[in-house]
Amino acid sequence: MSTIRVAALQMRSGTDIQRNVADFEALVREAAGMGAAYVQSPEMTGILVRSREALFERVRSAEEDPLVGMAAALARELSLFLHVGSTAIRLGDDKVANRGFLFGPDGARIATYDKIHMFDVDLDNGESWRESATYAPGSESVVATLPDMRLGLSVCYDLRFPQLFRAQALAGAEVLTVPAAFTRQTGVAHWHVLTRARAIENGAWLIAAAQGGRHADGRETYGHSLVIDPWGRVVAEAEHDDPAVIVADIDTAAADAARAKVPNLQNAREFAVAEAVYGRRAS
């Protein structure tokens, strides 16, 4: 048995970095008080601002970012694994990274992950996003080995690309992560379906800390942070969009059990795609 108590922090980050850092610290301490050994925060924990100009006025390098410094200090003080789902990190004069950070109980940085898939979409009611105009996409998936689990890292829109999670599962990840700032519109339609599907099809736990509510820049996110087991059952949920902490005890042996019942990771086969056209006789 390899049981670990995990926590997902639901936040409502805004344009004030110092306030966001203070909110983050309070929720991490609450999670630690609930016995969590691994704590995950949402996408864009440190700042959530739509204006490119306002973002560049505030964003800093990883070495100067106050959230990154706070996370390392809290992980060390509270002796836990602390996963900053992501925050905006300056890369240069014209781009930033949507970057996640994983810290160990000694405060050392175990891994970073830059969001690979950019949220460039046009939704109903005029809601439109062009993440690639500001953020540089990552190019490398990350699986981190911790004492009690192997953890696959992702961020938000990555959820819609199942090949990323399959690659992590094949690399040994028993726990998948989806820190997110899902829009309310897409969250109502797809959040639960997609998160449960990624857990089921990979026989893996899934932890998804989410942003929720109406933010200072006017956007509205869905909330409903989740922990899902490898059989697709929701074992913990924030059933609202307000700031909160959810916890669950997860046993990585459940991933082995699910994969033994439905061994689709081993049963996958290579295949080609053939084209059939009406009016043309099949060969």
Protein backbone atom coordinates (compact mmCIF):
# COMPACT_ATOMS: atom_id res chain seq x y z
CA MET A 1 0.00 0.00 0.00
CA SER A 2 1.35 3.43 -1.00
CA THR A 3 -1.23 5.84 0.36
CA ILE A 4 -0.70 9.59 0.31
CA ARG A 5 -3.06 12.41 1.26
CA VAL A 6 -3.31 14.95 -1.56
CA ALA A 7 -4.92 18.37 -1.67
CA ALA A 8 -6.18 20.62 -4.48
CA LEU A 9 -6.49 24.34 -3.85
CA GLN A 10 -9.34 26.20 -5.51
CA MET A 11 -8.51 29.88 -5.96
CA ARG A 12 -9.79 33.11 -7.47
CA SER A 13 -6.53 34.74 -8.46
CA GLY A 14 -6.60 38.30 -9.71
CA THR A 15 -4.29 41.06 -10.91
CA ASP A 16 -2.64 41.75 -7.51
CA ILE A 17 0.29 39.35 -7.19
CA GLN A 18 0.91 40.00 -3.50
CA ARG A 19 -2.71 39.30 -2.65
CA ASN A 20 -2.63 36.12 -4.73
CA VAL A 21 0.52 34.97 -2.94
CA ALA A 22 -1.10 35.65 0.43
CA ASP A 23 -4.22 33.69 -0.57
CA PHE A 24 -2.01 30.85 -1.81
CA GLU A 25 -0.07 30.74 1.45
CA ALA A 26 -3.25 30.62 3.53
CA LEU A 27 -4.70 27.74 1.48
CA VAL A 28 -1.44 25.77 1.54
CA ARG A 29 -1.31 26.09 5.32
CA GLU A 30 -4.93 24.95 5.52
CA ALA A 31 -4.13 21.92 3.37
CA ALA A 32 -1.10 21.07 5.50
CA GLY A 33 -3.29 21.30 8.60
CA MET A 34 -5.57 18.72 6.99
CA GLY A 35 -2.63 16.33 6.67
CA ALA A 36 -1.85 16.74 2.97
CA ALA A 37 1.60 15.55 1.87
CA TYR A 38 1.10 16.78 -1.72
CA VAL A 39 -0.63 20.08 -2.48
CA GLN A 40 -1.53 21.41 -5.95
CA SER A 41 -2.62 24.95 -6.86
CA PRO A 42 -4.42 26.02 -10.08
CA GLU A 43 -3.19 27.38 -13.36
CA MET A 44 -2.04 31.01 -13.09
CA THR A 45 -1.88 30.96 -9.30
CA GLY A 46 0.26 34.09 -9.11
CA ILE A 47 -1.58 36.36 -11.52
CA LEU A 48 -4.66 36.17 -13.71
CA VAL A 49 -4.86 39.18 -16.02
CA ARG A 50 -6.12 39.33 -19.58
CA SER A 51 -4.35 42.55 -20.66
CA ARG A 52 -0.97 41.80 -22.21
CA GLU A 53 0.34 45.20 -21.15
CA ALA A 54 -0.78 44.76 -17.55
CA LEU A 55 0.77 41.29 -17.45
CA PHE A 56 4.16 42.52 -18.66
CA GLU A 57 4.11 45.30 -16.07
CA ARG A 58 3.88 42.70 -13.31
CA VAL A 59 5.52 39.47 -14.48
CA ARG A 60 9.02 38.53 -13.30
CA SER A 61 11.63 35.87 -13.96
CA ALA A 62 11.45 32.64 -11.97
CA GLU A 63 14.30 33.83 -9.75
CA GLU A 64 12.45 37.06 -8.91
CA ASP A 65 8.87 35.79 -8.79
CA PRO A 66 7.39 36.13 -5.28
CA LEU A 67 5.07 33.12 -5.67
CA VAL A 68 7.96 30.83 -6.62
CA GLY A 69 9.95 31.99 -3.60
CA MET A 70 6.98 31.56 -1.29
CA ALA A 71 6.24 28.07 -2.62
CA ALA A 72 9.81 26.88 -2.01
CA ALA A 73 9.76 28.28 1.52
CA LEU A 74 6.36 26.75 2.35
CA ALA A 75 7.32 23.33 0.99
CA ARG A 76 10.39 23.37 3.25
CA GLU A 77 8.62 24.76 6.32
CA LEU A 78 5.62 22.42 6.08
CA SER A 79 7.63 19.44 4.79
CA LEU A 80 5.38 18.62 1.84
CA PHE A 81 5.42 18.31 -1.93
CA LEU A 82 4.07 21.60 -3.28
CA HIS A 83 2.95 21.82 -6.90
CA VAL A 84 2.33 25.34 -8.19
CA GLY A 85 -0.01 24.42 -11.05
CA SER A 86 1.35 27.31 -13.08
CA THR A 87 2.10 30.98 -13.05
CA ALA A 88 3.32 33.51 -15.61
CA ILE A 89 7.12 33.67 -15.84
CA ARG A 90 8.96 36.25 -17.96
CA LEU A 91 11.18 34.76 -20.65
CA GLY A 92 12.22 37.97 -22.35
CA ASP A 93 10.87 41.23 -23.71
CA ASP A 94 7.94 39.78 -25.66
CA LYS A 95 7.05 36.33 -24.28
CA VAL A 96 6.25 34.63 -21.02
CA ALA A 97 5.90 30.98 -20.02
CA ASN A 98 2.81 29.43 -18.47
CA ARG A 99 4.98 27.42 -16.08
CA GLY A 100 4.29 24.89 -13.36
CA PHE A 101 6.70 24.22 -10.48
CA LEU A 102 7.07 21.18 -8.23
CA PHE A 103 8.95 21.56 -4.93
CA GLY A 104 10.02 18.89 -2.47
CA PRO A 105 9.84 18.88 1.36
CA ASP A 106 13.38 20.27 1.47
CA GLY A 107 12.30 23.28 -0.59
CA ALA A 108 14.30 22.17 -3.63
CA ARG A 109 12.76 22.47 -7.08
CA ILE A 110 12.09 18.98 -8.44
CA ALA A 111 10.63 19.91 -11.82
CA THR A 112 9.18 22.64 -13.98
CA TYR A 113 6.71 22.25 -16.82
CA ASP A 114 5.78 24.79 -19.51
CA LYS A 115 2.26 24.41 -20.88
CA ILE A 116 2.50 22.84 -24.33
CA HIS A 117 -0.92 23.51 -25.87
CA MET A 118 -1.95 27.14 -26.28
CA PHE A 119 -5.57 28.13 -25.66
CA ASP A 120 -6.40 29.79 -29.00
CA VAL A 121 -10.19 29.48 -29.29
CA ASP A 122 -13.35 31.32 -30.34
CA LEU A 123 -16.30 30.37 -28.16
CA ASP A 124 -19.98 31.29 -28.20
CA ASN A 125 -21.15 34.74 -27.10
CA GLY A 126 -17.99 36.39 -28.43
CA GLU A 127 -15.59 34.84 -25.90
CA SER A 128 -12.22 34.59 -27.64
CA TRP A 129 -8.70 33.76 -26.39
CA ARG A 130 -5.28 33.86 -28.05
CA GLU A 131 -2.80 32.50 -25.53
CA SER A 132 -0.10 32.12 -28.18
CA ALA A 133 0.03 35.89 -28.63
CA THR A 134 1.66 36.22 -25.22
CA TYR A 135 2.91 32.80 -24.09
CA ALA A 136 5.66 30.62 -25.53
CA PRO A 137 4.55 26.96 -25.69
CA GLY A 138 6.59 24.27 -24.02
CA SER A 139 7.90 21.28 -25.93
CA GLU A 140 8.57 18.65 -23.26
CA SER A 141 6.24 16.50 -21.16
CA VAL A 142 7.33 15.83 -17.57
CA VAL A 143 6.86 12.82 -15.29
CA ALA A 144 8.22 13.33 -11.76
CA THR A 145 9.13 10.43 -9.48
CA LEU A 146 8.19 11.04 -5.83
CA PRO A 147 8.54 8.56 -2.95
CA ASP A 148 4.91 7.42 -3.15
CA MET A 149 3.90 8.13 -6.75
CA ARG A 150 4.96 9.00 -10.27
CA LEU A 151 3.32 12.26 -11.28
CA GLY A 152 2.54 13.51 -14.80
CA LEU A 153 2.44 17.30 -15.21
CA SER A 154 0.09 19.28 -17.47
CA VAL A 155 -1.80 22.58 -17.49
CA CYS A 156 -5.46 23.25 -18.35
CA TYR A 157 -5.95 23.15 -22.16
CA ASP A 158 -3.53 20.22 -22.31
CA LEU A 159 -6.52 18.22 -21.02
CA ARG A 160 -7.96 18.15 -24.56
CA PHE A 161 -4.91 16.33 -25.93
CA PRO A 162 -5.14 12.73 -24.71
CA GLN A 163 -1.88 11.71 -26.35
CA LEU A 164 0.01 13.74 -23.72
CA PHE A 165 -1.52 11.79 -20.85
CA ARG A 166 -1.12 8.46 -22.63
CA ALA A 167 2.59 9.18 -23.06
CA GLN A 168 2.88 9.95 -19.35
CA ALA A 169 1.00 6.78 -18.37
CA LEU A 170 3.26 4.70 -20.62
CA ALA A 171 6.23 6.39 -18.91
CA GLY A 172 4.94 5.12 -15.57
CA ALA A 173 2.77 7.95 -14.26
CA GLU A 174 0.15 6.67 -11.81
CA VAL A 175 -1.14 10.17 -11.05
CA LEU A 176 -2.04 12.76 -13.69
CA THR A 177 -2.41 16.46 -12.90
CA VAL A 178 -4.53 19.13 -14.57
CA PRO A 179 -4.22 22.47 -12.75
CA ALA A 180 -6.64 24.69 -14.63
CA ALA A 181 -8.43 27.97 -15.21
CA PHE A 182 -11.26 26.52 -17.30
CA THR A 183 -13.74 29.10 -18.55
CA ARG A 184 -17.22 28.72 -17.12
CA GLN A 185 -18.61 28.09 -20.60
CA THR A 186 -16.27 25.21 -21.40
CA GLY A 187 -16.27 23.96 -17.82
CA VAL A 188 -20.02 23.44 -17.70
CA ALA A 189 -19.87 21.53 -20.97
CA HIS A 190 -16.67 19.50 -20.71
CA TRP A 191 -14.75 19.65 -17.40
CA HIS A 192 -16.09 16.54 -15.70
CA VAL A 193 -16.29 14.51 -18.91
CA LEU A 194 -12.71 15.20 -19.98
CA THR A 195 -11.07 14.79 -16.57
CA ARG A 196 -12.86 11.49 -15.93
CA ALA A 197 -11.99 10.28 -19.43
CA ARG A 198 -8.27 10.97 -18.95
CA ALA A 199 -8.33 9.03 -15.66
CA ILE A 200 -10.29 6.10 -17.10
CA GLU A 201 -8.40 5.67 -20.35
CA ASN A 202 -5.04 5.70 -18.54
CA GLY A 203 -6.02 3.82 -15.37
CA ALA A 204 -4.61 6.70 -13.35
CA TRP A 205 -5.52 9.03 -10.52
CA LEU A 206 -6.17 12.61 -11.65
CA ILE A 207 -5.83 15.72 -9.49
CA ALA A 208 -7.18 19.01 -10.87
CA ALA A 209 -6.93 22.23 -8.87
CA ALA A 210 -9.02 24.95 -10.51
CA GLN A 211 -9.61 28.67 -10.58
CA GLY A 212 -13.22 29.61 -9.86
CA GLY A 213 -15.60 32.57 -9.98
CA ARG A 214 -15.47 36.06 -11.46
CA HIS A 215 -11.96 37.49 -11.55
CA ALA A 216 -10.65 41.05 -11.41
CA ASP A 217 -10.00 41.10 -15.17
CA GLY A 218 -13.65 40.21 -15.88
CA ARG A 219 -13.25 36.56 -16.86
CA GLU A 220 -15.28 33.84 -15.18
CA THR A 221 -13.86 30.40 -14.43
CA TYR A 222 -15.66 27.21 -13.53
CA GLY A 223 -14.10 25.97 -10.29
CA HIS A 224 -15.08 22.39 -9.35
CA SER A 225 -11.61 21.21 -8.38
CA LEU A 226 -11.44 17.41 -8.52
CA VAL A 227 -9.68 14.26 -7.42
CA ILE A 228 -10.65 11.26 -9.59
CA ASP A 229 -9.67 7.63 -9.07
CA PRO A 230 -8.34 5.29 -11.80
CA TRP A 231 -11.82 3.83 -12.35
CA GLY A 232 -13.18 7.30 -13.15
CA ARG A 233 -14.95 7.93 -9.84
CA VAL A 234 -14.90 11.42 -8.36
CA VAL A 235 -13.58 10.97 -4.82
CA ALA A 236 -13.33 14.67 -3.92
CA GLU A 237 -14.84 17.79 -5.47
CA ALA A 238 -15.34 21.45 -4.67
CA GLU A 239 -18.93 21.59 -5.86
CA HIS A 240 -18.85 25.37 -6.42
CA ASP A 241 -16.52 28.10 -7.68
CA ASP A 242 -15.44 29.66 -4.35
CA PRO A 243 -11.92 29.36 -2.87
CA ALA A 244 -11.54 26.06 -1.03
CA VAL A 245 -9.31 23.12 -0.18
CA ILE A 246 -10.26 19.55 -1.07
CA VAL A 247 -8.35 16.49 0.14
CA ALA A 248 -8.33 12.77 -0.65
CA ASP A 249 -6.27 9.76 0.32
CA ILE A 250 -4.97 8.07 -2.81
CA ASP A 251 -3.34 4.66 -3.14
CA THR A 252 -1.24 4.18 -6.25
CA ALA A 253 -1.98 0.44 -6.10
CA ALA A 254 -5.44 1.38 -7.41
CA ALA A 255 -3.80 2.37 -10.68
CA ASP A 256 -2.17 -1.05 -10.96
CA ALA A 257 -5.53 -2.71 -10.23
CA ALA A 258 -7.37 -0.67 -12.86
CA ARG A 259 -4.70 -1.40 -15.46
CA ALA A 260 -4.84 -5.12 -14.67
CA LYS A 261 -8.61 -5.17 -15.23
CA VAL A 262 -8.49 -3.18 -18.48
CA PRO A 263 -4.92 -3.41 -19.85
CA ASN A 264 -5.40 -0.95 -22.67
CA LEU A 265 -1.92 0.51 -22.20
CA GLN A 266 -0.56 -2.88 -23.30
CA ASN A 267 -3.30 -3.67 -25.82
CA ALA A 268 -2.80 -0.63 -28.05
CA ARG A 269 -1.79 -1.38 -31.64
CA GLU A 270 -0.33 0.68 -34.46
CA PHE A 271 -2.72 1.26 -37.36
CA ALA A 272 -3.11 3.20 -40.59
CA VAL A 273 -6.08 5.34 -41.63
CA ALA A 274 -7.70 4.34 -44.92
CA GLU A 275 -9.99 6.62 -46.93
CA ALA A 276 -13.29 5.41 -48.37
CA VAL A 277 -15.19 7.60 -50.85
CA TYR A 278 -18.80 7.20 -51.95
CA GLY A 279 -18.94 6.16 -55.59
CA ARG A 280 -15.49 4.59 -55.57
CA ARG A 281 -15.38 0.80 -55.33
CA ALA A 282 -13.38 -0.50 -52.39
CA SER A 283 -10.27 -2.44 -53.38
